[in-house]
Amino acid sequence: MTMDMTLDMTTRQPEYWTPAAEARVEHAIAGLRAVLDARADRRVLLLCDSTLADPLGQDIASAGLRRCEVDLISQGASAPPLYLAEVPDEVRHERLINRSLRLAVDEAVRPAPAARRPRSMSAWLATDLPLAEVAQRLVLRARLRDAQGRVRILRFWDPRTTQFQSELYAGTAPASWIEGVTWMSVDGFGQWQTLPDARGPMQTVTPDWPRLARLGRVNAVLQRLNAQGLRYETPALEAVRRALDAAAACGIADDEDAALFAAWRVRLDAPLECAPSFLALLREVREEGGRLYRAAEGMDDEDWQAFAHEAQAREDLQA
């Protein structure tokens, strides 16, 4: 079997595309094929999210693949952004499958604005279930009620949620989000992930909403840190969590303000909350009823570095 490894997006590889990114693509191709090799056929469903982009849409249409919308519509959208495309034979549609895998890695590692990073390739689903049945199971899993009885949407299909499944459902073995499907995805660090078709609480149990919100804040910090390309990966998670704890200890309650503070704390590897001038800025922001991220719009890197030097000097003096 030939392996189509061409970069479809451009004829020339972009600067951010490294040998490590290429290795991630090869690993994803091998991972998908390993799952399909163990099945009776090579049928696979593509789960696509067109909220910010739909680069595979034309390829899917040109290949004549069956599509099915997933009836989960976002506020302000004119149509559901999430849809399934049925690939009846992975071998016959090898170029499309390989491009989808490469696209997912590219979306994880490319530079992108913190709040506008598309993840148009959500997952690859190996299943015998009919297309419409899978779409319905996705809808049923996504619509949940919180403690106040409000209907909320769990964006479990986003790879940046899937990568934290083991934290959302601590103490349980990884398993597919819906029964009858082997769930495969490329996570927020460009790494291949396979969730087996096995029973587990992630298919029925409502996650702990505060924990889910906490993971959302972790992801928001990672998006800021990796706005210029994938530079902070799994080893940075502990530092990100410590930075968010420091933000909370400073009384920074707004999610966007906390993400801004935490990203700079991790980037500079300094306890910014120990800098008197930073604390003075926080007090000024609070007194004016403003937001830290608004105040920071007039700041540059040197201002944050000055906070870091001041904090470090204070720590050295105390030591």
C-alpha atoms as a PDB file:
ATOM      1  CA  MET A   1       0.000   0.000   0.000  1.00  0.00           C
ATOM      2  CA  THR A   2       1.371   3.400  -0.894  1.00  0.00           C
ATOM      3  CA  MET A   3       1.472   6.167   1.684  1.00  0.00           C
ATOM      4  CA  ASP A   4       0.444   9.622   0.479  1.00  0.00           C
ATOM      5  CA  MET A   5       2.502  11.926   2.666  1.00  0.00           C
ATOM      6  CA  THR A   6       2.333  15.107   0.583  1.00  0.00           C
ATOM      7  CA  LEU A   7       1.418  18.341   2.312  1.00  0.00           C
ATOM      8  CA  ASP A   8      -1.793  19.293   0.549  1.00  0.00           C
ATOM      9  CA  MET A   9      -2.151  22.801   2.004  1.00  0.00           C
ATOM     10  CA  THR A  10       0.879  24.228   0.188  1.00  0.00           C
ATOM     11  CA  THR A  11       3.530  22.961  -2.202  1.00  0.00           C
ATOM     12  CA  ARG A  12       6.196  24.156   0.217  1.00  0.00           C
ATOM     13  CA  GLN A  13       6.252  23.187   3.874  1.00  0.00           C
ATOM     14  CA  PRO A  14       5.645  26.157   6.203  1.00  0.00           C
ATOM     15  CA  GLU A  15       8.355  27.168   8.657  1.00  0.00           C
ATOM     16  CA  TYR A  16       6.509  25.777  11.670  1.00  0.00           C
ATOM     17  CA  TRP A  17       6.310  22.314  10.078  1.00  0.00           C
ATOM     18  CA  THR A  18       9.109  20.370  11.783  1.00  0.00           C
ATOM     19  CA  PRO A  19      10.321  16.758  11.602  1.00  0.00           C
ATOM     20  CA  ALA A  20       8.443  16.223  14.867  1.00  0.00           C
ATOM     21  CA  ALA A  21       5.192  17.314  13.185  1.00  0.00           C
ATOM     22  CA  GLU A  22       5.879  14.954  10.299  1.00  0.00           C
ATOM     23  CA  ALA A  23       6.470  12.130  12.777  1.00  0.00           C
ATOM     24  CA  ARG A  24       3.112  12.907  14.399  1.00  0.00           C
ATOM     25  CA  VAL A  25       1.391  12.498  11.025  1.00  0.00           C
ATOM     26  CA  GLU A  26       3.088   9.176  10.388  1.00  0.00           C
ATOM     27  CA  HIS A  27       2.119   7.987  13.868  1.00  0.00           C
ATOM     28  CA  ALA A  28      -1.509   9.019  13.286  1.00  0.00           C
ATOM     29  CA  ILE A  29      -1.662   7.193   9.943  1.00  0.00           C
ATOM     30  CA  ALA A  30      -0.214   4.073  11.551  1.00  0.00           C
ATOM     31  CA  GLY A  31      -2.608   4.369  14.504  1.00  0.00           C
ATOM     32  CA  LEU A  32      -5.696   4.629  12.307  1.00  0.00           C
ATOM     33  CA  ARG A  33      -4.612   1.718  10.135  1.00  0.00           C
ATOM     34  CA  ALA A  34      -3.916  -0.444  13.197  1.00  0.00           C
ATOM     35  CA  VAL A  35      -7.507   0.041  14.359  1.00  0.00           C
ATOM     36  CA  LEU A  36      -8.961  -0.666  10.910  1.00  0.00           C
ATOM     37  CA  ASP A  37      -6.695  -3.709  10.406  1.00  0.00           C
ATOM     38  CA  ALA A  38      -8.457  -5.336  13.359  1.00  0.00           C
ATOM     39  CA  ARG A  39     -11.931  -4.780  11.899  1.00  0.00           C
ATOM     40  CA  ALA A  40     -13.933  -6.691   9.304  1.00  0.00           C
ATOM     41  CA  ASP A  41     -13.948  -3.689   6.954  1.00  0.00           C
ATOM     42  CA  ARG A  42     -12.118  -0.384   6.542  1.00  0.00           C
ATOM     43  CA  ARG A  43     -15.113   1.921   6.945  1.00  0.00           C
ATOM     44  CA  VAL A  44     -14.458   5.057   8.973  1.00  0.00           C
ATOM     45  CA  LEU A  45     -16.499   8.169   9.735  1.00  0.00           C
ATOM     46  CA  LEU A  46     -14.936  11.626   9.779  1.00  0.00           C
ATOM     47  CA  LEU A  47     -16.306  13.939  12.462  1.00  0.00           C
ATOM     48  CA  CYS A  48     -15.769  17.498  11.246  1.00  0.00           C
ATOM     49  CA  ASP A  49     -16.360  20.812  13.022  1.00  0.00           C
ATOM     50  CA  SER A  50     -16.825  23.713  10.596  1.00  0.00           C
ATOM     51  CA  THR A  51     -17.247  26.381  13.291  1.00  0.00           C
ATOM     52  CA  LEU A  52     -14.070  28.248  12.306  1.00  0.00           C
ATOM     53  CA  ALA A  53     -13.060  26.475   9.099  1.00  0.00           C
ATOM     54  CA  ASP A  54     -14.010  23.583   6.829  1.00  0.00           C
ATOM     55  CA  PRO A  55     -10.920  22.880   4.704  1.00  0.00           C
ATOM     56  CA  LEU A  56     -11.992  19.295   3.946  1.00  0.00           C
ATOM     57  CA  GLY A  57     -15.546  20.179   2.902  1.00  0.00           C
ATOM     58  CA  GLN A  58     -14.798  20.468  -0.816  1.00  0.00           C
ATOM     59  CA  ASP A  59     -12.721  17.277  -0.838  1.00  0.00           C
ATOM     60  CA  ILE A  60     -15.532  15.392   0.878  1.00  0.00           C
ATOM     61  CA  ALA A  61     -18.039  16.711  -1.656  1.00  0.00           C
ATOM     62  CA  SER A  62     -15.750  15.897  -4.609  1.00  0.00           C
ATOM     63  CA  ALA A  63     -15.330  12.328  -3.334  1.00  0.00           C
ATOM     64  CA  GLY A  64     -19.117  11.917  -3.265  1.00  0.00           C
ATOM     65  CA  LEU A  65     -19.142  10.849   0.386  1.00  0.00           C
ATOM     66  CA  ARG A  66     -22.381  10.681   2.348  1.00  0.00           C
ATOM     67  CA  ARG A  67     -22.751  13.438   4.928  1.00  0.00           C
ATOM     68  CA  CYS A  68     -24.967  13.778   7.963  1.00  0.00           C
ATOM     69  CA  GLU A  69     -25.318  16.889  10.108  1.00  0.00           C
ATOM     70  CA  VAL A  70     -25.085  16.521  13.868  1.00  0.00           C
ATOM     71  CA  ASP A  71     -28.028  18.538  15.186  1.00  0.00           C
ATOM     72  CA  LEU A  72     -26.124  20.704  17.670  1.00  0.00           C
ATOM     73  CA  ILE A  73     -26.401  24.341  16.643  1.00  0.00           C
ATOM     74  CA  SER A  74     -24.353  27.084  18.247  1.00  0.00           C
ATOM     75  CA  GLN A  75     -25.837  30.415  19.229  1.00  0.00           C
ATOM     76  CA  GLY A  76     -25.795  32.743  16.228  1.00  0.00           C
ATOM     77  CA  ALA A  77     -25.055  29.978  13.707  1.00  0.00           C
ATOM     78  CA  SER A  78     -27.351  29.454  10.710  1.00  0.00           C
ATOM     79  CA  ALA A  79     -26.644  25.705  10.492  1.00  0.00           C
ATOM     80  CA  PRO A  80     -25.121  23.006  12.709  1.00  0.00           C
ATOM     81  CA  PRO A  81     -21.329  23.239  12.322  1.00  0.00           C
ATOM     82  CA  LEU A  82     -20.703  19.613  13.281  1.00  0.00           C
ATOM     83  CA  TYR A  83     -21.137  16.884  10.660  1.00  0.00           C
ATOM     84  CA  LEU A  84     -20.158  13.307   9.840  1.00  0.00           C
ATOM     85  CA  ALA A  85     -18.776  12.091   6.520  1.00  0.00           C
ATOM     86  CA  GLU A  86     -18.794   8.382   5.729  1.00  0.00           C
ATOM     87  CA  VAL A  87     -15.664   6.903   4.139  1.00  0.00           C
ATOM     88  CA  PRO A  88     -16.720   3.393   3.050  1.00  0.00           C
ATOM     89  CA  ASP A  89     -13.165   2.212   2.394  1.00  0.00           C
ATOM     90  CA  GLU A  90     -10.058   3.833   3.872  1.00  0.00           C
ATOM     91  CA  VAL A  91      -7.827   2.276   1.198  1.00  0.00           C
ATOM     92  CA  ARG A  92      -9.886   3.594  -1.696  1.00  0.00           C
ATOM     93  CA  HIS A  93      -9.946   7.084  -0.147  1.00  0.00           C
ATOM     94  CA  GLU A  94      -6.370   7.000   1.136  1.00  0.00           C
ATOM     95  CA  ARG A  95      -5.483  10.513  -0.032  1.00  0.00           C
ATOM     96  CA  LEU A  96      -8.484  12.053   1.724  1.00  0.00           C
ATOM     97  CA  ILE A  97      -7.882  10.124   4.951  1.00  0.00           C
ATOM     98  CA  ASN A  98      -4.185  11.021   5.010  1.00  0.00           C
ATOM     99  CA  ARG A  99      -4.993  14.656   4.313  1.00  0.00           C
ATOM    100  CA  SER A 100      -7.489  14.700   7.178  1.00  0.00           C
ATOM    101  CA  LEU A 101      -4.836  13.346   9.559  1.00  0.00           C
ATOM    102  CA  ARG A 102      -2.236  15.808   8.321  1.00  0.00           C
ATOM    103  CA  LEU A 103      -4.731  18.644   8.645  1.00  0.00           C
ATOM    104  CA  ALA A 104      -5.456  17.727  12.270  1.00  0.00           C
ATOM    105  CA  VAL A 105      -1.764  17.787  13.164  1.00  0.00           C
ATOM    106  CA  ASP A 106      -1.311  21.037  11.243  1.00  0.00           C
ATOM    107  CA  GLU A 107      -4.182  22.680  13.134  1.00  0.00           C
ATOM    108  CA  ALA A 108      -2.562  21.649  16.425  1.00  0.00           C
ATOM    109  CA  VAL A 109       0.948  22.925  15.683  1.00  0.00           C
ATOM    110  CA  ARG A 110       0.452  25.981  13.444  1.00  0.00           C
ATOM    111  CA  PRO A 111       0.512  29.568  14.751  1.00  0.00           C
ATOM    112  CA  ALA A 112      -3.037  30.795  15.444  1.00  0.00           C
ATOM    113  CA  PRO A 113      -4.744  33.518  17.511  1.00  0.00           C
ATOM    114  CA  ALA A 114      -5.436  32.280  21.023  1.00  0.00           C
ATOM    115  CA  ALA A 115      -9.220  32.320  20.700  1.00  0.00           C
ATOM    116  CA  ARG A 116      -9.452  31.432  17.014  1.00  0.00           C
ATOM    117  CA  ARG A 117      -7.582  28.163  16.570  1.00  0.00           C
ATOM    118  CA  PRO A 118      -9.720  25.906  14.345  1.00  0.00           C
ATOM    119  CA  ARG A 119      -9.995  22.207  15.104  1.00  0.00           C
ATOM    120  CA  SER A 120     -11.994  21.222  12.042  1.00  0.00           C
ATOM    121  CA  MET A 121     -11.005  17.545  12.290  1.00  0.00           C
ATOM    122  CA  SER A 122     -12.543  16.408  15.542  1.00  0.00           C
ATOM    123  CA  ALA A 123     -12.317  12.619  15.286  1.00  0.00           C
ATOM    124  CA  TRP A 124     -12.228   9.462  13.187  1.00  0.00           C
ATOM    125  CA  LEU A 125     -14.843   6.903  14.201  1.00  0.00           C
ATOM    126  CA  ALA A 126     -14.569   3.191  13.438  1.00  0.00           C
ATOM    127  CA  THR A 127     -18.039   1.681  13.743  1.00  0.00           C
ATOM    128  CA  ASP A 128     -20.648  -0.592  12.191  1.00  0.00           C
ATOM    129  CA  LEU A 129     -23.458   1.771  13.208  1.00  0.00           C
ATOM    130  CA  PRO A 130     -25.435   3.613  10.511  1.00  0.00           C
ATOM    131  CA  LEU A 131     -24.423   7.209   9.894  1.00  0.00           C
ATOM    132  CA  ALA A 132     -27.676   8.683  11.267  1.00  0.00           C
ATOM    133  CA  GLU A 133     -27.469   6.531  14.409  1.00  0.00           C
ATOM    134  CA  VAL A 134     -23.979   7.819  15.195  1.00  0.00           C
ATOM    135  CA  ALA A 135     -25.167  11.404  14.683  1.00  0.00           C
ATOM    136  CA  GLN A 136     -28.053  10.828  17.087  1.00  0.00           C
ATOM    137  CA  ARG A 137     -25.789   9.304  19.745  1.00  0.00           C
ATOM    138  CA  LEU A 138     -23.482  12.304  19.490  1.00  0.00           C
ATOM    139  CA  VAL A 139     -26.413  14.655  20.097  1.00  0.00           C
ATOM    140  CA  LEU A 140     -27.680  12.668  23.067  1.00  0.00           C
ATOM    141  CA  ARG A 141     -24.218  12.609  24.646  1.00  0.00           C
ATOM    142  CA  ALA A 142     -23.663  16.340  24.152  1.00  0.00           C
ATOM    143  CA  ARG A 143     -26.939  17.636  25.627  1.00  0.00           C
ATOM    144  CA  LEU A 144     -26.741  17.575  29.412  1.00  0.00           C
ATOM    145  CA  ARG A 145     -28.379  19.296  32.360  1.00  0.00           C
ATOM    146  CA  ASP A 146     -26.366  21.049  35.024  1.00  0.00           C
ATOM    147  CA  ALA A 147     -27.166  21.212  38.738  1.00  0.00           C
ATOM    148  CA  GLN A 148     -29.648  24.040  38.102  1.00  0.00           C
ATOM    149  CA  GLY A 149     -31.496  22.019  35.471  1.00  0.00           C
ATOM    150  CA  ARG A 150     -30.261  24.120  32.556  1.00  0.00           C
ATOM    151  CA  VAL A 151     -29.517  22.362  29.266  1.00  0.00           C
ATOM    152  CA  ARG A 152     -25.841  22.672  28.442  1.00  0.00           C
ATOM    153  CA  ILE A 153     -23.699  21.361  25.611  1.00  0.00           C
ATOM    154  CA  LEU A 154     -20.662  19.247  26.485  1.00  0.00           C
ATOM    155  CA  ARG A 155     -18.156  19.816  23.668  1.00  0.00           C
ATOM    156  CA  PHE A 156     -16.658  16.385  24.175  1.00  0.00           C
ATOM    157  CA  TRP A 157     -15.871  16.056  20.459  1.00  0.00           C
ATOM    158  CA  ASP A 158     -13.236  18.795  20.643  1.00  0.00           C
ATOM    159  CA  PRO A 159      -9.830  17.064  20.842  1.00  0.00           C
ATOM    160  CA  ARG A 160      -8.826  19.539  23.548  1.00  0.00           C
ATOM    161  CA  THR A 161     -11.587  18.041  25.722  1.00  0.00           C
ATOM    162  CA  THR A 162     -10.821  14.449  24.764  1.00  0.00           C
ATOM    163  CA  GLN A 163      -7.183  14.823  25.818  1.00  0.00           C
ATOM    164  CA  PHE A 164      -8.361  15.437  29.403  1.00  0.00           C
ATOM    165  CA  GLN A 165     -10.932  12.640  29.559  1.00  0.00           C
ATOM    166  CA  SER A 166      -8.906  10.776  32.188  1.00  0.00           C
ATOM    167  CA  GLU A 167      -9.108  13.849  34.439  1.00  0.00           C
ATOM    168  CA  LEU A 168     -12.815  14.411  33.867  1.00  0.00           C
ATOM    169  CA  TYR A 169     -13.479  10.781  34.767  1.00  0.00           C
ATOM    170  CA  ALA A 170     -10.648  10.078  37.182  1.00  0.00           C
ATOM    171  CA  GLY A 171     -10.002   6.472  38.136  1.00  0.00           C
ATOM    172  CA  THR A 172     -11.595   4.977  35.017  1.00  0.00           C
ATOM    173  CA  ALA A 173     -10.049   3.422  31.919  1.00  0.00           C
ATOM    174  CA  PRO A 174     -10.188   5.495  28.717  1.00  0.00           C
ATOM    175  CA  ALA A 175     -13.164   4.652  26.508  1.00  0.00           C
ATOM    176  CA  SER A 176     -15.110   6.010  23.554  1.00  0.00           C
ATOM    177  CA  TRP A 177     -17.468   8.921  24.187  1.00  0.00           C
ATOM    178  CA  ILE A 178     -20.335   6.942  22.643  1.00  0.00           C
ATOM    179  CA  GLU A 179     -21.092   3.226  22.659  1.00  0.00           C
ATOM    180  CA  GLY A 180     -20.503   1.207  19.498  1.00  0.00           C
ATOM    181  CA  VAL A 181     -17.596   3.335  18.267  1.00  0.00           C
ATOM    182  CA  THR A 182     -13.808   3.302  18.482  1.00  0.00           C
ATOM    183  CA  TRP A 183     -12.971   6.985  18.903  1.00  0.00           C
ATOM    184  CA  MET A 184      -9.723   8.317  17.421  1.00  0.00           C
ATOM    185  CA  SER A 185      -8.420  11.874  17.530  1.00  0.00           C
ATOM    186  CA  VAL A 186      -5.362  14.131  17.363  1.00  0.00           C
ATOM    187  CA  ASP A 187      -5.116  16.024  20.646  1.00  0.00           C
ATOM    188  CA  GLY A 188      -4.166  19.635  21.307  1.00  0.00           C
ATOM    189  CA  PHE A 189      -0.464  18.722  21.163  1.00  0.00           C
ATOM    190  CA  GLY A 190      -0.753  16.937  17.823  1.00  0.00           C
ATOM    191  CA  GLN A 191      -0.575  13.475  19.407  1.00  0.00           C
ATOM    192  CA  TRP A 192      -2.668  10.524  18.228  1.00  0.00           C
ATOM    193  CA  GLN A 193      -5.187   9.177  20.730  1.00  0.00           C
ATOM    194  CA  THR A 194      -7.410   6.076  20.523  1.00  0.00           C
ATOM    195  CA  LEU A 195     -10.353   5.485  22.862  1.00  0.00           C
ATOM    196  CA  PRO A 196     -11.573   1.880  22.612  1.00  0.00           C
ATOM    197  CA  ASP A 197     -15.189   0.853  22.190  1.00  0.00           C
ATOM    198  CA  ALA A 198     -15.764  -0.089  25.820  1.00  0.00           C
ATOM    199  CA  ARG A 199     -18.354   0.799  28.423  1.00  0.00           C
ATOM    200  CA  GLY A 200     -17.496   3.624  30.780  1.00  0.00           C
ATOM    201  CA  PRO A 201     -18.959   6.584  32.685  1.00  0.00           C
ATOM    202  CA  MET A 202     -17.846   8.992  29.936  1.00  0.00           C
ATOM    203  CA  GLN A 203     -20.768   7.648  27.872  1.00  0.00           C
ATOM    204  CA  THR A 204     -23.493   8.408  30.402  1.00  0.00           C
ATOM    205  CA  VAL A 205     -22.310  10.358  33.452  1.00  0.00           C
ATOM    206  CA  THR A 206     -22.466  14.149  33.528  1.00  0.00           C
ATOM    207  CA  PRO A 207     -18.943  15.452  34.182  1.00  0.00           C
ATOM    208  CA  ASP A 208     -18.120  17.597  37.160  1.00  0.00           C
ATOM    209  CA  TRP A 209     -18.819  21.087  35.792  1.00  0.00           C
ATOM    210  CA  PRO A 210     -16.247  22.924  37.982  1.00  0.00           C
ATOM    211  CA  ARG A 211     -13.586  20.437  36.873  1.00  0.00           C
ATOM    212  CA  LEU A 212     -14.637  20.920  33.253  1.00  0.00           C
ATOM    213  CA  ALA A 213     -14.399  24.701  33.699  1.00  0.00           C
ATOM    214  CA  ARG A 214     -10.939  24.299  35.201  1.00  0.00           C
ATOM    215  CA  LEU A 215      -9.789  22.273  32.174  1.00  0.00           C
ATOM    216  CA  GLY A 216     -11.241  24.972  29.932  1.00  0.00           C
ATOM    217  CA  ARG A 217      -9.018  27.510  31.673  1.00  0.00           C
ATOM    218  CA  VAL A 218      -5.995  25.222  31.250  1.00  0.00           C
ATOM    219  CA  ASN A 219      -6.737  25.039  27.533  1.00  0.00           C
ATOM    220  CA  ALA A 220      -7.139  28.821  27.336  1.00  0.00           C
ATOM    221  CA  VAL A 221      -3.635  29.268  28.783  1.00  0.00           C
ATOM    222  CA  LEU A 222      -2.203  26.705  26.352  1.00  0.00           C
ATOM    223  CA  GLN A 223      -3.811  28.520  23.427  1.00  0.00           C
ATOM    224  CA  ARG A 224      -2.076  31.737  24.484  1.00  0.00           C
ATOM    225  CA  LEU A 225       1.266  30.009  25.023  1.00  0.00           C
ATOM    226  CA  ASN A 226       1.076  28.324  21.613  1.00  0.00           C
ATOM    227  CA  ALA A 227      -0.246  31.237  19.587  1.00  0.00           C
ATOM    228  CA  GLN A 228       3.074  31.373  17.701  1.00  0.00           C
ATOM    229  CA  GLY A 229       3.168  27.614  17.143  1.00  0.00           C
ATOM    230  CA  LEU A 230       3.381  24.523  19.345  1.00  0.00           C
ATOM    231  CA  ARG A 231       6.032  25.384  21.932  1.00  0.00           C
ATOM    232  CA  TYR A 232       4.436  24.203  25.183  1.00  0.00           C
ATOM    233  CA  GLU A 233       3.319  20.603  25.413  1.00  0.00           C
ATOM    234  CA  THR A 234       2.317  18.077  28.095  1.00  0.00           C
ATOM    235  CA  PRO A 235       5.315  18.765  30.392  1.00  0.00           C
ATOM    236  CA  ALA A 236       4.081  22.368  30.770  1.00  0.00           C
ATOM    237  CA  LEU A 237       0.708  21.350  32.230  1.00  0.00           C
ATOM    238  CA  GLU A 238       1.857  21.369  35.851  1.00  0.00           C
ATOM    239  CA  ALA A 239       3.284  24.884  35.482  1.00  0.00           C
ATOM    240  CA  VAL A 240       0.030  26.011  33.844  1.00  0.00           C
ATOM    241  CA  ARG A 241      -1.994  24.669  36.770  1.00  0.00           C
ATOM    242  CA  ARG A 242       0.279  26.354  39.307  1.00  0.00           C
ATOM    243  CA  ALA A 243      -0.061  29.628  37.407  1.00  0.00           C
ATOM    244  CA  LEU A 244      -3.859  29.382  37.471  1.00  0.00           C
ATOM    245  CA  ASP A 245      -3.728  28.694  41.222  1.00  0.00           C
ATOM    246  CA  ALA A 246      -1.583  31.816  41.613  1.00  0.00           C
ATOM    247  CA  ALA A 247      -4.117  33.816  39.601  1.00  0.00           C
ATOM    248  CA  ALA A 248      -6.914  32.666  41.901  1.00  0.00           C
ATOM    249  CA  ALA A 249      -4.833  33.528  44.970  1.00  0.00           C
ATOM    250  CA  CYS A 250      -4.418  37.057  43.561  1.00  0.00           C
ATOM    251  CA  GLY A 251      -8.178  37.372  43.223  1.00  0.00           C
ATOM    252  CA  ILE A 252      -8.126  37.234  39.406  1.00  0.00           C
ATOM    253  CA  ALA A 253     -11.550  35.711  38.818  1.00  0.00           C
ATOM    254  CA  ASP A 254     -12.206  36.508  35.152  1.00  0.00           C
ATOM    255  CA  ASP A 255     -11.227  33.585  32.892  1.00  0.00           C
ATOM    256  CA  GLU A 256      -9.614  35.771  30.233  1.00  0.00           C
ATOM    257  CA  ASP A 257      -7.640  37.754  32.782  1.00  0.00           C
ATOM    258  CA  ALA A 258      -6.526  34.526  34.486  1.00  0.00           C
ATOM    259  CA  ALA A 259      -5.399  33.024  31.163  1.00  0.00           C
ATOM    260  CA  LEU A 260      -3.388  36.154  30.332  1.00  0.00           C
ATOM    261  CA  PHE A 261      -1.684  36.212  33.733  1.00  0.00           C
ATOM    262  CA  ALA A 262      -1.009  32.470  33.783  1.00  0.00           C
ATOM    263  CA  ALA A 263       0.443  32.442  30.268  1.00  0.00           C
ATOM    264  CA  TRP A 264       2.921  35.180  31.128  1.00  0.00           C
ATOM    265  CA  ARG A 265       3.807  33.494  34.442  1.00  0.00           C
ATOM    266  CA  VAL A 266       4.611  30.242  32.619  1.00  0.00           C
ATOM    267  CA  ARG A 267       6.371  31.951  29.709  1.00  0.00           C
ATOM    268  CA  LEU A 268       8.664  33.965  31.995  1.00  0.00           C
ATOM    269  CA  ASP A 269       8.908  31.234  34.663  1.00  0.00           C
ATOM    270  CA  ALA A 270       8.475  33.846  37.373  1.00  0.00           C
ATOM    271  CA  PRO A 271       6.035  34.406  40.271  1.00  0.00           C
ATOM    272  CA  LEU A 272       4.547  37.613  38.888  1.00  0.00           C
ATOM    273  CA  GLU A 273       2.193  37.829  41.856  1.00  0.00           C
ATOM    274  CA  CYS A 274       5.232  38.682  44.009  1.00  0.00           C
ATOM    275  CA  ALA A 275       5.984  41.859  42.060  1.00  0.00           C
ATOM    276  CA  PRO A 276       4.679  44.925  43.969  1.00  0.00           C
ATOM    277  CA  SER A 277       4.186  46.878  40.748  1.00  0.00           C
ATOM    278  CA  PHE A 278       2.048  44.089  39.293  1.00  0.00           C
ATOM    279  CA  LEU A 279      -0.070  43.982  42.459  1.00  0.00           C
ATOM    280  CA  ALA A 280      -0.439  47.758  42.199  1.00  0.00           C
ATOM    281  CA  LEU A 281      -1.679  47.339  38.628  1.00  0.00           C
ATOM    282  CA  LEU A 282      -4.214  44.766  39.806  1.00  0.00           C
ATOM    283  CA  ARG A 283      -5.497  47.109  42.514  1.00  0.00           C
ATOM    284  CA  GLU A 284      -5.840  49.927  39.991  1.00  0.00           C
ATOM    285  CA  VAL A 285      -7.778  47.690  37.600  1.00  0.00           C
ATOM    286  CA  ARG A 286     -10.153  46.599  40.368  1.00  0.00           C
ATOM    287  CA  GLU A 287     -10.720  50.133  41.632  1.00  0.00           C
ATOM    288  CA  GLU A 288     -11.668  51.243  38.121  1.00  0.00           C
ATOM    289  CA  GLY A 289     -13.902  48.210  37.606  1.00  0.00           C
ATOM    290  CA  GLY A 290     -11.835  47.206  34.597  1.00  0.00           C
ATOM    291  CA  ARG A 291     -10.229  44.049  33.280  1.00  0.00           C
ATOM    292  CA  LEU A 292      -6.591  43.033  33.360  1.00  0.00           C
ATOM    293  CA  TYR A 293      -6.524  42.029  29.704  1.00  0.00           C
ATOM    294  CA  ARG A 294      -7.774  45.514  28.755  1.00  0.00           C
ATOM    295  CA  ALA A 295      -5.070  47.165  30.821  1.00  0.00           C
ATOM    296  CA  ALA A 296      -2.492  44.851  29.250  1.00  0.00           C
ATOM    297  CA  GLU A 297      -3.360  46.023  25.739  1.00  0.00           C
ATOM    298  CA  GLY A 298      -1.152  49.037  26.327  1.00  0.00           C
ATOM    299  CA  MET A 299       1.728  46.941  27.652  1.00  0.00           C
ATOM    300  CA  ASP A 300       4.537  45.223  25.783  1.00  0.00           C
ATOM    301  CA  ASP A 301       6.821  42.284  26.546  1.00  0.00           C
ATOM    302  CA  GLU A 302       9.284  44.499  28.396  1.00  0.00           C
ATOM    303  CA  ASP A 303       6.591  45.474  30.921  1.00  0.00           C
ATOM    304  CA  TRP A 304       5.919  41.832  31.782  1.00  0.00           C
ATOM    305  CA  GLN A 305       9.644  41.116  31.934  1.00  0.00           C
ATOM    306  CA  ALA A 306      10.009  44.021  34.370  1.00  0.00           C
ATOM    307  CA  PHE A 307       7.367  42.391  36.604  1.00  0.00           C
ATOM    308  CA  ALA A 308       9.307  39.121  36.383  1.00  0.00           C
ATOM    309  CA  HIS A 309      12.633  40.744  37.332  1.00  0.00           C
ATOM    310  CA  GLU A 310      10.987  42.545  40.232  1.00  0.00           C
ATOM    311  CA  ALA A 311       9.329  39.341  41.457  1.00  0.00           C
ATOM    312  CA  GLN A 312      12.559  37.378  41.181  1.00  0.00           C
ATOM    313  CA  ALA A 313      14.538  40.053  43.014  1.00  0.00           C
ATOM    314  CA  ARG A 314      11.973  40.016  45.805  1.00  0.00           C
ATOM    315  CA  GLU A 315      12.185  36.232  46.072  1.00  0.00           C
ATOM    316  CA  ASP A 316      15.989  36.357  46.103  1.00  0.00           C
ATOM    317  CA  LEU A 317      15.887  38.951  48.882  1.00  0.00           C
ATOM    318  CA  GLN A 318      13.515  36.843  50.966  1.00  0.00           C
ATOM    319  CA  ALA A 319      15.709  33.786  50.406  1.00  0.00           C
END
